[in-house]
C-alpha atoms as a PDB file:
ATOM      1  CA  MET A   1      17.600  29.885   5.908  1.00  0.00           C
ATOM      2  CA  LYS A   2      17.100  27.303   8.573  1.00  0.00           C
ATOM      3  CA  ASN A   3      13.174  27.963   8.479  1.00  0.00           C
ATOM      4  CA  ILE A   4      13.296  27.132   4.695  1.00  0.00           C
ATOM      5  CA  GLU A   5      15.271  24.016   5.188  1.00  0.00           C
ATOM      6  CA  LYS A   6      12.924  22.923   8.079  1.00  0.00           C
ATOM      7  CA  ARG A   7       9.762  23.525   6.022  1.00  0.00           C
ATOM      8  CA  ILE A   8      11.283  21.458   3.030  1.00  0.00           C
ATOM      9  CA  GLY A   9      12.053  18.707   5.763  1.00  0.00           C
ATOM     10  CA  GLU A  10       8.141  19.091   6.706  1.00  0.00           C
ATOM     11  CA  LEU A  11       7.111  18.838   3.269  1.00  0.00           C
ATOM     12  CA  VAL A  12       9.326  15.706   2.428  1.00  0.00           C
ATOM     13  CA  ASP A  13       7.851  14.008   5.407  1.00  0.00           C
ATOM     14  CA  LYS A  14       4.465  14.564   4.309  1.00  0.00           C
ATOM     15  CA  SER A  15       5.324  13.401   0.710  1.00  0.00           C
ATOM     16  CA  LEU A  16       5.283   9.752  -0.730  1.00  0.00           C
ATOM     17  CA  THR A  17       9.122   9.810  -1.125  1.00  0.00           C
ATOM     18  CA  ASN A  18      11.224   7.561   1.441  1.00  0.00           C
ATOM     19  CA  THR A  19       8.171   5.675   2.620  1.00  0.00           C
ATOM     20  CA  LYS A  20       7.364   2.097   3.387  1.00  0.00           C
ATOM     21  CA  PRO A  21       4.174   1.804   1.205  1.00  0.00           C
ATOM     22  CA  TYR A  22       1.967  -1.224   2.598  1.00  0.00           C
ATOM     23  CA  PHE A  23      -0.339  -2.973  -0.164  1.00  0.00           C
ATOM     24  CA  VAL A  24      -3.640  -3.900   0.379  1.00  0.00           C
ATOM     25  CA  SER A  25      -5.872  -5.738  -1.919  1.00  0.00           C
ATOM     26  CA  ASP A  26      -8.095  -8.255  -0.234  1.00  0.00           C
ATOM     27  CA  THR A  27     -11.055  -8.103   2.260  1.00  0.00           C
ATOM     28  CA  SER A  28      -8.764  -9.140   5.304  1.00  0.00           C
ATOM     29  CA  PRO A  29      -8.142  -6.889   8.196  1.00  0.00           C
ATOM     30  CA  HIS A  30      -5.028  -4.964   8.259  1.00  0.00           C
ATOM     31  CA  SER A  31      -3.672  -3.527  11.639  1.00  0.00           C
ATOM     32  CA  ASN A  32      -0.559  -2.282  13.401  1.00  0.00           C
ATOM     33  CA  LEU A  33      -0.049   0.281  10.707  1.00  0.00           C
ATOM     34  CA  LYS A  34       1.538   3.514  10.966  1.00  0.00           C
ATOM     35  CA  GLY A  35       0.122   4.946   7.854  1.00  0.00           C
ATOM     36  CA  TYR A  36      -0.136   8.797   7.104  1.00  0.00           C
ATOM     37  CA  CYS A  37      -1.634   8.619   3.682  1.00  0.00           C
ATOM     38  CA  ILE A  38      -3.779   6.070   1.559  1.00  0.00           C
ATOM     39  CA  LYS A  39      -3.392   6.000  -2.331  1.00  0.00           C
ATOM     40  CA  ALA A  40      -6.156   4.061  -4.275  1.00  0.00           C
ATOM     41  CA  ILE A  41      -4.718   2.170  -7.470  1.00  0.00           C
ATOM     42  CA  GLU A  42      -8.344   1.301  -8.478  1.00  0.00           C
ATOM     43  CA  ASP A  43     -11.668   2.390  -6.875  1.00  0.00           C
ATOM     44  CA  THR A  44     -11.693   1.105  -3.492  1.00  0.00           C
ATOM     45  CA  VAL A  45     -14.363   0.961  -0.644  1.00  0.00           C
ATOM     46  CA  ILE A  46     -13.563   0.978   2.963  1.00  0.00           C
ATOM     47  CA  SER A  47     -15.440  -1.414   4.963  1.00  0.00           C
ATOM     48  CA  ALA A  48     -13.607  -0.538   8.550  1.00  0.00           C
ATOM     49  CA  PHE A  49     -10.779   2.127   9.436  1.00  0.00           C
ATOM     50  CA  LYS A  50      -9.221   3.492  12.318  1.00  0.00           C
ATOM     51  CA  PRO A  51      -8.729   5.973  13.556  1.00  0.00           C
ATOM     52  CA  LEU A  52     -12.038   7.247  12.638  1.00  0.00           C
ATOM     53  CA  PRO A  53     -11.792  10.928  11.576  1.00  0.00           C
ATOM     54  CA  GLN A  54     -14.019  13.524  13.244  1.00  0.00           C
ATOM     55  CA  GLY A  55     -17.414  14.058  11.786  1.00  0.00           C
ATOM     56  CA  ASN A  56     -19.069  11.379   9.522  1.00  0.00           C
ATOM     57  CA  SER A  57     -17.691   8.004   9.214  1.00  0.00           C
ATOM     58  CA  ILE A  58     -15.913   7.069   6.199  1.00  0.00           C
ATOM     59  CA  VAL A  59     -16.800   3.656   6.220  1.00  0.00           C
ATOM     60  CA  GLY A  60     -18.517   2.621   2.943  1.00  0.00           C
ATOM     61  CA  GLU A  61     -16.925   5.693   1.090  1.00  0.00           C
ATOM     62  CA  THR A  62     -15.197   5.043  -2.042  1.00  0.00           C
ATOM     63  CA  ILE A  63     -11.699   6.204  -2.795  1.00  0.00           C
ATOM     64  CA  LEU A  64     -11.572   6.826  -6.512  1.00  0.00           C
ATOM     65  CA  ALA A  65      -8.522   5.304  -8.452  1.00  0.00           C
ATOM     66  CA  GLY A  66      -5.582   7.660  -8.235  1.00  0.00           C
ATOM     67  CA  ASP A  67      -6.833   9.688  -5.354  1.00  0.00           C
ATOM     68  CA  VAL A  68      -4.491  10.459  -2.400  1.00  0.00           C
ATOM     69  CA  TRP A  69      -6.077  10.893   1.165  1.00  0.00           C
ATOM     70  CA  TYR A  70      -3.767  12.364   3.739  1.00  0.00           C
ATOM     71  CA  ILE A  71      -5.386  10.525   6.923  1.00  0.00           C
ATOM     72  CA  PRO A  72      -3.748   8.720   9.819  1.00  0.00           C
ATOM     73  CA  CYS A  73      -4.447   4.920   9.242  1.00  0.00           C
ATOM     74  CA  THR A  74      -3.643   2.405  12.045  1.00  0.00           C
ATOM     75  CA  SER A  75      -5.964  -0.133  10.474  1.00  0.00           C
ATOM     76  CA  ILE A  76      -7.983  -0.811   7.472  1.00  0.00           C
ATOM     77  CA  THR A  77     -10.452  -3.444   5.906  1.00  0.00           C
ATOM     78  CA  LEU A  78     -11.626  -3.107   2.306  1.00  0.00           C
ATOM     79  CA  THR A  79     -14.729  -4.285   0.660  1.00  0.00           C
ATOM     80  CA  SER A  80     -13.202  -3.859  -2.634  1.00  0.00           C
ATOM     81  CA  GLY A  81     -10.409  -2.416  -4.430  1.00  0.00           C
ATOM     82  CA  ALA A  82      -6.812  -2.010  -3.794  1.00  0.00           C
ATOM     83  CA  CYS A  83      -4.505   0.685  -2.149  1.00  0.00           C
ATOM     84  CA  PHE A  84      -1.090   1.507  -0.795  1.00  0.00           C
ATOM     85  CA  ILE A  85      -0.878   2.767   2.885  1.00  0.00           C
ATOM     86  CA  TYR A  86       2.051   5.128   3.134  1.00  0.00           C
ATOM     87  CA  GLN A  87       4.128   4.763   6.128  1.00  0.00           C
ATOM     88  CA  HIS A  88       7.160   6.263   7.724  1.00  0.00           C
END
């Protein structure tokens, strides 16, 4: 039973509940974030992002409206669009 409760707690931590969403809708740099998830509310293009994931860069990529990316985010700058950065 404790394992189930622990797993439920882990899933809630990864969900979008009980968070401190940070809204971005401009092209200014936003830093000092403790984000774990990005949700685009309109098609959103990234011009700068940290920490960069392994592999190819996501700079210049479009997050489609409604998409949710579970990815650490400490800073972001947009070319266009609007998104929420979910933080604990």
